[in-house]
Amino acid sequence: MSKPSDYNEKKSFFDSVLTVYGRKPVLESLQDTSLVCHAVHLAHSNRDGDIVAEIRQRAQTLGVPIKLHSREELARISKNGKQDQGVAVDIICPSFRSLEDYLGATTGWPRRLLALDGITNPQNLGMIIRSAAAGDIDGIILPRKGTAALGPLVIKASAGTLYRAPLLLCQALPEALRLCQERGAQVCTLEADAPRSLFHYKGQGFCVYVLGNETAGVSTQVRALADTALSIPMRNGVESLNVAVTASLIAFASYLDK
């Protein structure tokens, strides 16, 4: 039986691994010298020509292990058997970790986190990640379920910042927010009809800003947990903004006070 520390180390490692699928995305990942590739996965059924041969050659040049699988096994690895084209690569993303690990290792300084409650559009998710990585956000709480998969569309929309973004993984958002509140966090939802403005809110210490689903908004469970609701003042009869635009405003709002 593995020791608890061994289990925790393995879990932390796999939390930091992003699996990218598809022949062109995999080759581009191997060609990106800023990325650390852990392993390449190929289906036995692939014909060893054209781009698959390039992937093999590049992986061998870099010393990245190549693992062969049945088509079914590869689909379990990629989690998208219909679109993986028989190819996947594991990329190590040092800024990915579980929310529990983050909270356990972080003490004594203000934190601004962005939490995503049912963001299902890959383009929106990618743009949110890009804005959060660029702005004054220390981490992005990302539920493993109910959120767009971290696939090629998200990577493209993030302009490659996904690999460096501080993603904090959790199973379900309500439990994650409760955990943050136990550590002293103020949970703020973004809602169009909230009377309090994002730009007038002076959060002290640890704040978590929650972005809701593109259509339904913040879920009932999460809304019940919130400490406050914030809105973005708008003119000319505009009722709402794209969720990725809202993320950008949150990511840079704190600079108004600096």
C-alpha atoms as a PDB file:
ATOM      1  CA  MET A   1       0.000   0.000   0.000  1.00  0.00           C
ATOM      2  CA  SER A   2       1.319   3.459  -0.884  1.00  0.00           C
ATOM      3  CA  LYS A   3       2.100   5.834   1.926  1.00  0.00           C
ATOM      4  CA  PRO A   4      -0.207   8.884   2.238  1.00  0.00           C
ATOM      5  CA  SER A   5       2.638  11.183   1.225  1.00  0.00           C
ATOM      6  CA  ASP A   6       3.214   9.127  -1.931  1.00  0.00           C
ATOM      7  CA  TYR A   7      -0.476   9.372  -2.771  1.00  0.00           C
ATOM      8  CA  ASN A   8      -0.523  13.137  -2.189  1.00  0.00           C
ATOM      9  CA  GLU A   9       2.567  13.634  -4.345  1.00  0.00           C
ATOM     10  CA  LYS A  10       1.058  11.604  -7.186  1.00  0.00           C
ATOM     11  CA  LYS A  11      -2.247  13.456  -6.890  1.00  0.00           C
ATOM     12  CA  SER A  12      -0.486  16.835  -6.972  1.00  0.00           C
ATOM     13  CA  PHE A  13       1.466  15.743 -10.042  1.00  0.00           C
ATOM     14  CA  PHE A  14      -1.612  14.631 -11.968  1.00  0.00           C
ATOM     15  CA  ASP A  15      -3.455  17.816 -10.970  1.00  0.00           C
ATOM     16  CA  SER A  16      -0.681  19.698 -12.786  1.00  0.00           C
ATOM     17  CA  VAL A  17      -0.980  17.675 -16.011  1.00  0.00           C
ATOM     18  CA  LEU A  18      -3.093  18.878 -18.936  1.00  0.00           C
ATOM     19  CA  THR A  19      -3.815  16.342 -21.678  1.00  0.00           C
ATOM     20  CA  VAL A  20      -4.033  17.899 -25.142  1.00  0.00           C
ATOM     21  CA  TYR A  21      -5.506  15.844 -28.000  1.00  0.00           C
ATOM     22  CA  GLY A  22      -5.647  16.076 -31.785  1.00  0.00           C
ATOM     23  CA  ARG A  23      -2.772  15.717 -34.251  1.00  0.00           C
ATOM     24  CA  LYS A  24      -2.112  19.377 -35.003  1.00  0.00           C
ATOM     25  CA  PRO A  25      -2.472  20.572 -31.365  1.00  0.00           C
ATOM     26  CA  VAL A  26      -0.156  17.788 -30.175  1.00  0.00           C
ATOM     27  CA  LEU A  27       2.507  18.599 -32.764  1.00  0.00           C
ATOM     28  CA  GLU A  28       2.264  22.315 -31.935  1.00  0.00           C
ATOM     29  CA  SER A  29       2.659  21.491 -28.238  1.00  0.00           C
ATOM     30  CA  LEU A  30       5.803  19.471 -28.931  1.00  0.00           C
ATOM     31  CA  GLN A  31       7.190  22.330 -31.055  1.00  0.00           C
ATOM     32  CA  ASP A  32       6.590  24.910 -28.301  1.00  0.00           C
ATOM     33  CA  THR A  33       9.897  25.101 -26.445  1.00  0.00           C
ATOM     34  CA  SER A  34       8.257  26.801 -23.453  1.00  0.00           C
ATOM     35  CA  LEU A  35       6.211  23.683 -22.644  1.00  0.00           C
ATOM     36  CA  VAL A  36       7.291  20.573 -20.744  1.00  0.00           C
ATOM     37  CA  CYS A  37       5.736  17.469 -22.273  1.00  0.00           C
ATOM     38  CA  HIS A  38       5.532  14.417 -20.015  1.00  0.00           C
ATOM     39  CA  ALA A  39       4.352  11.714 -22.439  1.00  0.00           C
ATOM     40  CA  VAL A  40       2.884  11.244 -25.918  1.00  0.00           C
ATOM     41  CA  HIS A  41       0.006   8.782 -26.377  1.00  0.00           C
ATOM     42  CA  LEU A  42      -0.653   7.150 -29.736  1.00  0.00           C
ATOM     43  CA  ALA A  43      -3.292   4.650 -30.839  1.00  0.00           C
ATOM     44  CA  HIS A  44      -2.015   1.402 -32.381  1.00  0.00           C
ATOM     45  CA  SER A  45      -4.386   2.016 -35.284  1.00  0.00           C
ATOM     46  CA  ASN A  46      -2.586   5.195 -36.436  1.00  0.00           C
ATOM     47  CA  ARG A  47      -0.893   5.000 -39.807  1.00  0.00           C
ATOM     48  CA  ASP A  48       2.688   6.022 -39.228  1.00  0.00           C
ATOM     49  CA  GLY A  49       2.873   8.750 -41.843  1.00  0.00           C
ATOM     50  CA  ASP A  50       2.544  12.478 -42.340  1.00  0.00           C
ATOM     51  CA  ILE A  51       1.836  14.323 -39.085  1.00  0.00           C
ATOM     52  CA  VAL A  52       1.957  11.189 -36.894  1.00  0.00           C
ATOM     53  CA  ALA A  53       5.511  10.576 -38.106  1.00  0.00           C
ATOM     54  CA  GLU A  54       6.373  14.195 -37.271  1.00  0.00           C
ATOM     55  CA  ILE A  55       4.929  13.737 -33.782  1.00  0.00           C
ATOM     56  CA  ARG A  56       7.000  10.585 -33.252  1.00  0.00           C
ATOM     57  CA  GLN A  57      10.165  12.246 -34.511  1.00  0.00           C
ATOM     58  CA  ARG A  58       9.691  15.374 -32.411  1.00  0.00           C
ATOM     59  CA  ALA A  59       8.934  13.367 -29.278  1.00  0.00           C
ATOM     60  CA  GLN A  60      12.022  11.214 -29.804  1.00  0.00           C
ATOM     61  CA  THR A  61      14.185  14.307 -30.353  1.00  0.00           C
ATOM     62  CA  LEU A  62      12.937  15.785 -27.075  1.00  0.00           C
ATOM     63  CA  GLY A  63      13.225  12.501 -25.196  1.00  0.00           C
ATOM     64  CA  VAL A  64       9.485  12.447 -24.459  1.00  0.00           C
ATOM     65  CA  PRO A  65       8.222   8.882 -23.878  1.00  0.00           C
ATOM     66  CA  ILE A  66       5.801   7.528 -26.505  1.00  0.00           C
ATOM     67  CA  LYS A  67       3.090   5.197 -25.191  1.00  0.00           C
ATOM     68  CA  LEU A  68       0.948   3.020 -27.468  1.00  0.00           C
ATOM     69  CA  HIS A  69      -2.673   2.215 -26.643  1.00  0.00           C
ATOM     70  CA  SER A  70      -5.774   0.631 -28.050  1.00  0.00           C
ATOM     71  CA  ARG A  71      -8.274   3.087 -29.502  1.00  0.00           C
ATOM     72  CA  GLU A  72     -10.493   2.623 -26.444  1.00  0.00           C
ATOM     73  CA  GLU A  73      -7.630   3.233 -24.015  1.00  0.00           C
ATOM     74  CA  LEU A  74      -6.632   6.410 -25.829  1.00  0.00           C
ATOM     75  CA  ALA A  75     -10.219   7.684 -25.692  1.00  0.00           C
ATOM     76  CA  ARG A  76     -10.145   7.280 -21.906  1.00  0.00           C
ATOM     77  CA  ILE A  77      -6.903   9.280 -21.763  1.00  0.00           C
ATOM     78  CA  SER A  78      -8.048  12.084 -24.062  1.00  0.00           C
ATOM     79  CA  LYS A  79     -11.634  12.045 -22.713  1.00  0.00           C
ATOM     80  CA  ASN A  80     -12.737  12.839 -26.272  1.00  0.00           C
ATOM     81  CA  GLY A  81     -12.526   9.764 -28.452  1.00  0.00           C
ATOM     82  CA  LYS A  82     -14.514  11.386 -31.261  1.00  0.00           C
ATOM     83  CA  GLN A  83     -12.004  14.185 -31.801  1.00  0.00           C
ATOM     84  CA  ASP A  84      -8.620  13.009 -30.486  1.00  0.00           C
ATOM     85  CA  GLN A  85      -7.539  11.568 -33.906  1.00  0.00           C
ATOM     86  CA  GLY A  86      -5.649   8.821 -32.097  1.00  0.00           C
ATOM     87  CA  VAL A  87      -3.131  11.226 -30.538  1.00  0.00           C
ATOM     88  CA  ALA A  88      -2.681  12.963 -27.159  1.00  0.00           C
ATOM     89  CA  VAL A  89       0.115  14.526 -25.136  1.00  0.00           C
ATOM     90  CA  ASP A  90       0.453  15.183 -21.402  1.00  0.00           C
ATOM     91  CA  ILE A  91       1.783  18.666 -20.641  1.00  0.00           C
ATOM     92  CA  ILE A  92       3.014  19.680 -17.197  1.00  0.00           C
ATOM     93  CA  CYS A  93       1.466  22.971 -16.073  1.00  0.00           C
ATOM     94  CA  PRO A  94       3.176  24.023 -12.818  1.00  0.00           C
ATOM     95  CA  SER A  95       0.467  26.596 -12.005  1.00  0.00           C
ATOM     96  CA  PHE A  96      -2.303  23.961 -11.947  1.00  0.00           C
ATOM     97  CA  ARG A  97      -3.150  22.529  -8.544  1.00  0.00           C
ATOM     98  CA  SER A  98      -6.066  21.564  -6.377  1.00  0.00           C
ATOM     99  CA  LEU A  99      -7.838  24.268  -4.401  1.00  0.00           C
ATOM    100  CA  GLU A 100      -7.064  22.348  -1.209  1.00  0.00           C
ATOM    101  CA  ASP A 101      -3.326  22.428  -1.952  1.00  0.00           C
ATOM    102  CA  TYR A 102      -3.496  26.142  -2.730  1.00  0.00           C
ATOM    103  CA  LEU A 103      -5.324  27.028   0.471  1.00  0.00           C
ATOM    104  CA  GLY A 104      -3.026  24.823   2.513  1.00  0.00           C
ATOM    105  CA  ALA A 105       0.106  26.482   1.130  1.00  0.00           C
ATOM    106  CA  THR A 106      -1.097  30.099   1.086  1.00  0.00           C
ATOM    107  CA  THR A 107      -1.151  32.176   4.253  1.00  0.00           C
ATOM    108  CA  GLY A 108      -0.799  35.755   5.366  1.00  0.00           C
ATOM    109  CA  TRP A 109      -1.493  37.746   2.207  1.00  0.00           C
ATOM    110  CA  PRO A 110      -4.581  39.045   0.399  1.00  0.00           C
ATOM    111  CA  ARG A 111      -5.967  36.819  -2.335  1.00  0.00           C
ATOM    112  CA  ARG A 112      -8.290  37.589  -5.242  1.00  0.00           C
ATOM    113  CA  LEU A 113      -9.746  34.477  -6.802  1.00  0.00           C
ATOM    114  CA  LEU A 114     -12.134  34.047  -9.717  1.00  0.00           C
ATOM    115  CA  ALA A 115     -14.612  31.149  -9.454  1.00  0.00           C
ATOM    116  CA  LEU A 116     -16.452  29.742 -12.468  1.00  0.00           C
ATOM    117  CA  ASP A 117     -20.001  28.489 -11.987  1.00  0.00           C
ATOM    118  CA  GLY A 118     -21.026  26.545 -15.082  1.00  0.00           C
ATOM    119  CA  ILE A 119     -19.048  28.253 -17.858  1.00  0.00           C
ATOM    120  CA  THR A 120     -19.792  25.886 -20.746  1.00  0.00           C
ATOM    121  CA  ASN A 121     -18.655  27.830 -23.828  1.00  0.00           C
ATOM    122  CA  PRO A 122     -15.009  26.977 -24.658  1.00  0.00           C
ATOM    123  CA  GLN A 123     -14.300  30.386 -26.207  1.00  0.00           C
ATOM    124  CA  ASN A 124     -15.621  32.161 -23.137  1.00  0.00           C
ATOM    125  CA  LEU A 125     -13.595  29.923 -20.837  1.00  0.00           C
ATOM    126  CA  GLY A 126     -10.411  30.548 -22.817  1.00  0.00           C
ATOM    127  CA  MET A 127     -10.897  34.318 -22.813  1.00  0.00           C
ATOM    128  CA  ILE A 128     -11.684  34.311 -19.079  1.00  0.00           C
ATOM    129  CA  ILE A 129      -8.473  32.405 -18.387  1.00  0.00           C
ATOM    130  CA  ARG A 130      -6.474  34.837 -20.527  1.00  0.00           C
ATOM    131  CA  SER A 131      -7.867  37.910 -18.728  1.00  0.00           C
ATOM    132  CA  ALA A 132      -7.420  36.400 -15.279  1.00  0.00           C
ATOM    133  CA  ALA A 133      -3.836  35.387 -16.034  1.00  0.00           C
ATOM    134  CA  ALA A 134      -3.065  38.909 -17.261  1.00  0.00           C
ATOM    135  CA  GLY A 135      -4.839  40.792 -14.471  1.00  0.00           C
ATOM    136  CA  ASP A 136      -4.837  40.990 -10.688  1.00  0.00           C
ATOM    137  CA  ILE A 137      -6.187  37.482 -10.052  1.00  0.00           C
ATOM    138  CA  ASP A 138      -4.263  34.980  -7.946  1.00  0.00           C
ATOM    139  CA  GLY A 139      -6.181  31.892  -9.000  1.00  0.00           C
ATOM    140  CA  ILE A 140      -9.127  30.570 -11.009  1.00  0.00           C
ATOM    141  CA  ILE A 141     -11.346  28.055  -9.200  1.00  0.00           C
ATOM    142  CA  LEU A 142     -12.396  25.561 -11.866  1.00  0.00           C
ATOM    143  CA  PRO A 143     -14.856  22.721 -11.102  1.00  0.00           C
ATOM    144  CA  ARG A 144     -13.983  19.457 -12.820  1.00  0.00           C
ATOM    145  CA  LYS A 145     -17.626  18.954 -13.831  1.00  0.00           C
ATOM    146  CA  GLY A 146     -20.106  21.348 -15.399  1.00  0.00           C
ATOM    147  CA  THR A 147     -17.395  23.424 -17.109  1.00  0.00           C
ATOM    148  CA  ALA A 148     -16.169  23.352 -20.709  1.00  0.00           C
ATOM    149  CA  ALA A 149     -13.378  20.819 -21.175  1.00  0.00           C
ATOM    150  CA  LEU A 150      -9.848  22.188 -21.421  1.00  0.00           C
ATOM    151  CA  GLY A 151      -9.487  21.232 -25.067  1.00  0.00           C
ATOM    152  CA  PRO A 152      -8.122  22.846 -28.242  1.00  0.00           C
ATOM    153  CA  LEU A 153     -10.846  25.523 -28.423  1.00  0.00           C
ATOM    154  CA  VAL A 154     -10.070  26.722 -24.889  1.00  0.00           C
ATOM    155  CA  ILE A 155      -6.341  26.695 -25.581  1.00  0.00           C
ATOM    156  CA  LYS A 156      -6.828  28.734 -28.759  1.00  0.00           C
ATOM    157  CA  ALA A 157      -9.156  31.265 -27.094  1.00  0.00           C
ATOM    158  CA  SER A 158      -6.716  31.670 -24.212  1.00  0.00           C
ATOM    159  CA  ALA A 159      -3.929  32.458 -26.712  1.00  0.00           C
ATOM    160  CA  GLY A 160      -1.818  29.790 -25.039  1.00  0.00           C
ATOM    161  CA  THR A 161      -2.032  31.336 -21.563  1.00  0.00           C
ATOM    162  CA  LEU A 162      -3.906  28.260 -20.305  1.00  0.00           C
ATOM    163  CA  TYR A 163      -0.590  26.465 -19.796  1.00  0.00           C
ATOM    164  CA  ARG A 164       0.598  29.190 -17.396  1.00  0.00           C
ATOM    165  CA  ALA A 165      -2.716  30.137 -15.782  1.00  0.00           C
ATOM    166  CA  PRO A 166      -3.165  29.571 -12.019  1.00  0.00           C
ATOM    167  CA  LEU A 167      -5.973  27.012 -12.193  1.00  0.00           C
ATOM    168  CA  LEU A 168      -7.302  25.744  -8.855  1.00  0.00           C
ATOM    169  CA  LEU A 169      -9.214  22.519  -9.451  1.00  0.00           C
ATOM    170  CA  CYS A 170     -12.166  21.355  -7.377  1.00  0.00           C
ATOM    171  CA  GLN A 171     -14.919  18.762  -7.656  1.00  0.00           C
ATOM    172  CA  ALA A 172     -17.924  21.027  -7.054  1.00  0.00           C
ATOM    173  CA  LEU A 173     -18.090  24.792  -6.638  1.00  0.00           C
ATOM    174  CA  PRO A 174     -20.403  25.050  -3.578  1.00  0.00           C
ATOM    175  CA  GLU A 175     -18.053  22.900  -1.488  1.00  0.00           C
ATOM    176  CA  ALA A 176     -15.059  24.845  -2.799  1.00  0.00           C
ATOM    177  CA  LEU A 177     -16.626  28.169  -1.804  1.00  0.00           C
ATOM    178  CA  ARG A 178     -17.443  26.862   1.674  1.00  0.00           C
ATOM    179  CA  LEU A 179     -13.810  25.829   2.029  1.00  0.00           C
ATOM    180  CA  CYS A 180     -12.708  29.340   1.042  1.00  0.00           C
ATOM    181  CA  GLN A 181     -15.144  30.876   3.534  1.00  0.00           C
ATOM    182  CA  GLU A 182     -13.674  28.705   6.271  1.00  0.00           C
ATOM    183  CA  ARG A 183     -10.353  30.379   5.430  1.00  0.00           C
ATOM    184  CA  GLY A 184     -11.943  33.823   5.787  1.00  0.00           C
ATOM    185  CA  ALA A 185     -12.978  34.527   2.197  1.00  0.00           C
ATOM    186  CA  GLN A 186     -15.739  36.897   1.163  1.00  0.00           C
ATOM    187  CA  VAL A 187     -17.719  35.331  -1.701  1.00  0.00           C
ATOM    188  CA  CYS A 188     -19.015  37.879  -4.225  1.00  0.00           C
ATOM    189  CA  THR A 189     -21.365  36.951  -7.046  1.00  0.00           C
ATOM    190  CA  LEU A 190     -21.693  39.085 -10.182  1.00  0.00           C
ATOM    191  CA  GLU A 191     -25.357  39.777 -10.931  1.00  0.00           C
ATOM    192  CA  ALA A 192     -26.937  42.351 -13.237  1.00  0.00           C
ATOM    193  CA  ASP A 193     -29.514  43.601 -10.700  1.00  0.00           C
ATOM    194  CA  ALA A 194     -27.255  43.844  -7.642  1.00  0.00           C
ATOM    195  CA  PRO A 195     -27.378  47.342  -6.093  1.00  0.00           C
ATOM    196  CA  ARG A 196     -23.677  47.393  -5.210  1.00  0.00           C
ATOM    197  CA  SER A 197     -21.118  48.258  -7.885  1.00  0.00           C
ATOM    198  CA  LEU A 198     -18.033  46.155  -8.507  1.00  0.00           C
ATOM    199  CA  PHE A 199     -16.043  49.375  -8.769  1.00  0.00           C
ATOM    200  CA  HIS A 200     -17.177  50.669  -5.377  1.00  0.00           C
ATOM    201  CA  TYR A 201     -16.628  47.419  -3.507  1.00  0.00           C
ATOM    202  CA  LYS A 202     -13.529  47.503  -1.325  1.00  0.00           C
ATOM    203  CA  GLY A 203     -12.885  43.888  -0.546  1.00  0.00           C
ATOM    204  CA  GLN A 204     -10.537  43.377   2.372  1.00  0.00           C
ATOM    205  CA  GLY A 205      -8.186  40.403   2.360  1.00  0.00           C
ATOM    206  CA  PHE A 206      -9.462  37.245   0.729  1.00  0.00           C
ATOM    207  CA  CYS A 207     -12.187  37.704  -1.941  1.00  0.00           C
ATOM    208  CA  VAL A 208     -13.685  35.184  -4.361  1.00  0.00           C
ATOM    209  CA  TYR A 209     -15.573  36.626  -7.352  1.00  0.00           C
ATOM    210  CA  VAL A 210     -18.063  34.187  -8.908  1.00  0.00           C
ATOM    211  CA  LEU A 211     -19.014  34.250 -12.593  1.00  0.00           C
ATOM    212  CA  GLY A 212     -22.208  32.392 -13.524  1.00  0.00           C
ATOM    213  CA  ASN A 213     -23.351  30.421 -16.536  1.00  0.00           C
ATOM    214  CA  GLU A 214     -23.695  32.283 -19.827  1.00  0.00           C
ATOM    215  CA  THR A 215     -27.490  31.808 -19.894  1.00  0.00           C
ATOM    216  CA  ALA A 216     -28.694  30.931 -16.388  1.00  0.00           C
ATOM    217  CA  GLY A 217     -26.233  33.056 -14.410  1.00  0.00           C
ATOM    218  CA  VAL A 218     -25.104  32.098 -10.910  1.00  0.00           C
ATOM    219  CA  SER A 219     -26.642  28.849  -9.659  1.00  0.00           C
ATOM    220  CA  THR A 220     -29.112  28.814  -6.776  1.00  0.00           C
ATOM    221  CA  GLN A 221     -26.706  26.883  -4.528  1.00  0.00           C
ATOM    222  CA  VAL A 222     -23.905  29.345  -5.065  1.00  0.00           C
ATOM    223  CA  ARG A 223     -26.146  32.395  -4.719  1.00  0.00           C
ATOM    224  CA  ALA A 224     -27.263  31.105  -1.312  1.00  0.00           C
ATOM    225  CA  LEU A 225     -23.624  30.961  -0.164  1.00  0.00           C
ATOM    226  CA  ALA A 226     -22.641  34.446  -1.338  1.00  0.00           C
ATOM    227  CA  ASP A 227     -21.702  37.155   1.154  1.00  0.00           C
ATOM    228  CA  THR A 228     -22.536  39.935  -1.290  1.00  0.00           C
ATOM    229  CA  ALA A 229     -23.701  40.508  -4.864  1.00  0.00           C
ATOM    230  CA  LEU A 230     -22.039  43.006  -7.174  1.00  0.00           C
ATOM    231  CA  SER A 231     -23.037  44.523 -10.492  1.00  0.00           C
ATOM    232  CA  ILE A 232     -21.378  46.440 -13.302  1.00  0.00           C
ATOM    233  CA  PRO A 233     -23.115  49.778 -13.954  1.00  0.00           C
ATOM    234  CA  MET A 234     -24.276  50.094 -17.560  1.00  0.00           C
ATOM    235  CA  ARG A 235     -25.889  52.751 -19.718  1.00  0.00           C
ATOM    236  CA  ASN A 236     -28.055  53.035 -22.825  1.00  0.00           C
ATOM    237  CA  GLY A 237     -30.377  50.203 -21.882  1.00  0.00           C
ATOM    238  CA  VAL A 238     -27.674  47.500 -21.990  1.00  0.00           C
ATOM    239  CA  GLU A 239     -28.696  44.759 -19.549  1.00  0.00           C
ATOM    240  CA  SER A 240     -25.678  42.484 -19.472  1.00  0.00           C
ATOM    241  CA  LEU A 241     -22.153  41.862 -20.732  1.00  0.00           C
ATOM    242  CA  ASN A 242     -20.495  38.755 -22.089  1.00  0.00           C
ATOM    243  CA  VAL A 243     -19.124  36.715 -19.190  1.00  0.00           C
ATOM    244  CA  ALA A 244     -15.563  36.959 -20.537  1.00  0.00           C
ATOM    245  CA  VAL A 245     -15.829  40.765 -20.639  1.00  0.00           C
ATOM    246  CA  THR A 246     -17.044  40.724 -17.045  1.00  0.00           C
ATOM    247  CA  ALA A 247     -14.034  38.610 -16.090  1.00  0.00           C
ATOM    248  CA  SER A 248     -11.739  41.226 -17.639  1.00  0.00           C
ATOM    249  CA  LEU A 249     -13.345  44.005 -15.608  1.00  0.00           C
ATOM    250  CA  ILE A 250     -12.929  42.015 -12.384  1.00  0.00           C
ATOM    251  CA  ALA A 251      -9.325  41.157 -13.220  1.00  0.00           C
ATOM    252  CA  PHE A 252      -8.361  44.802 -13.609  1.00  0.00           C
ATOM    253  CA  ALA A 253     -10.809  46.575 -11.286  1.00  0.00           C
ATOM    254  CA  SER A 254      -8.402  46.531  -8.350  1.00  0.00           C
ATOM    255  CA  TYR A 255      -5.892  48.643 -10.284  1.00  0.00           C
ATOM    256  CA  LEU A 256      -8.267  51.589  -9.962  1.00  0.00           C
ATOM    257  CA  ASP A 257      -7.282  51.808  -6.299  1.00  0.00           C
ATOM    258  CA  LYS A 258      -3.532  51.591  -6.927  1.00  0.00           C
END
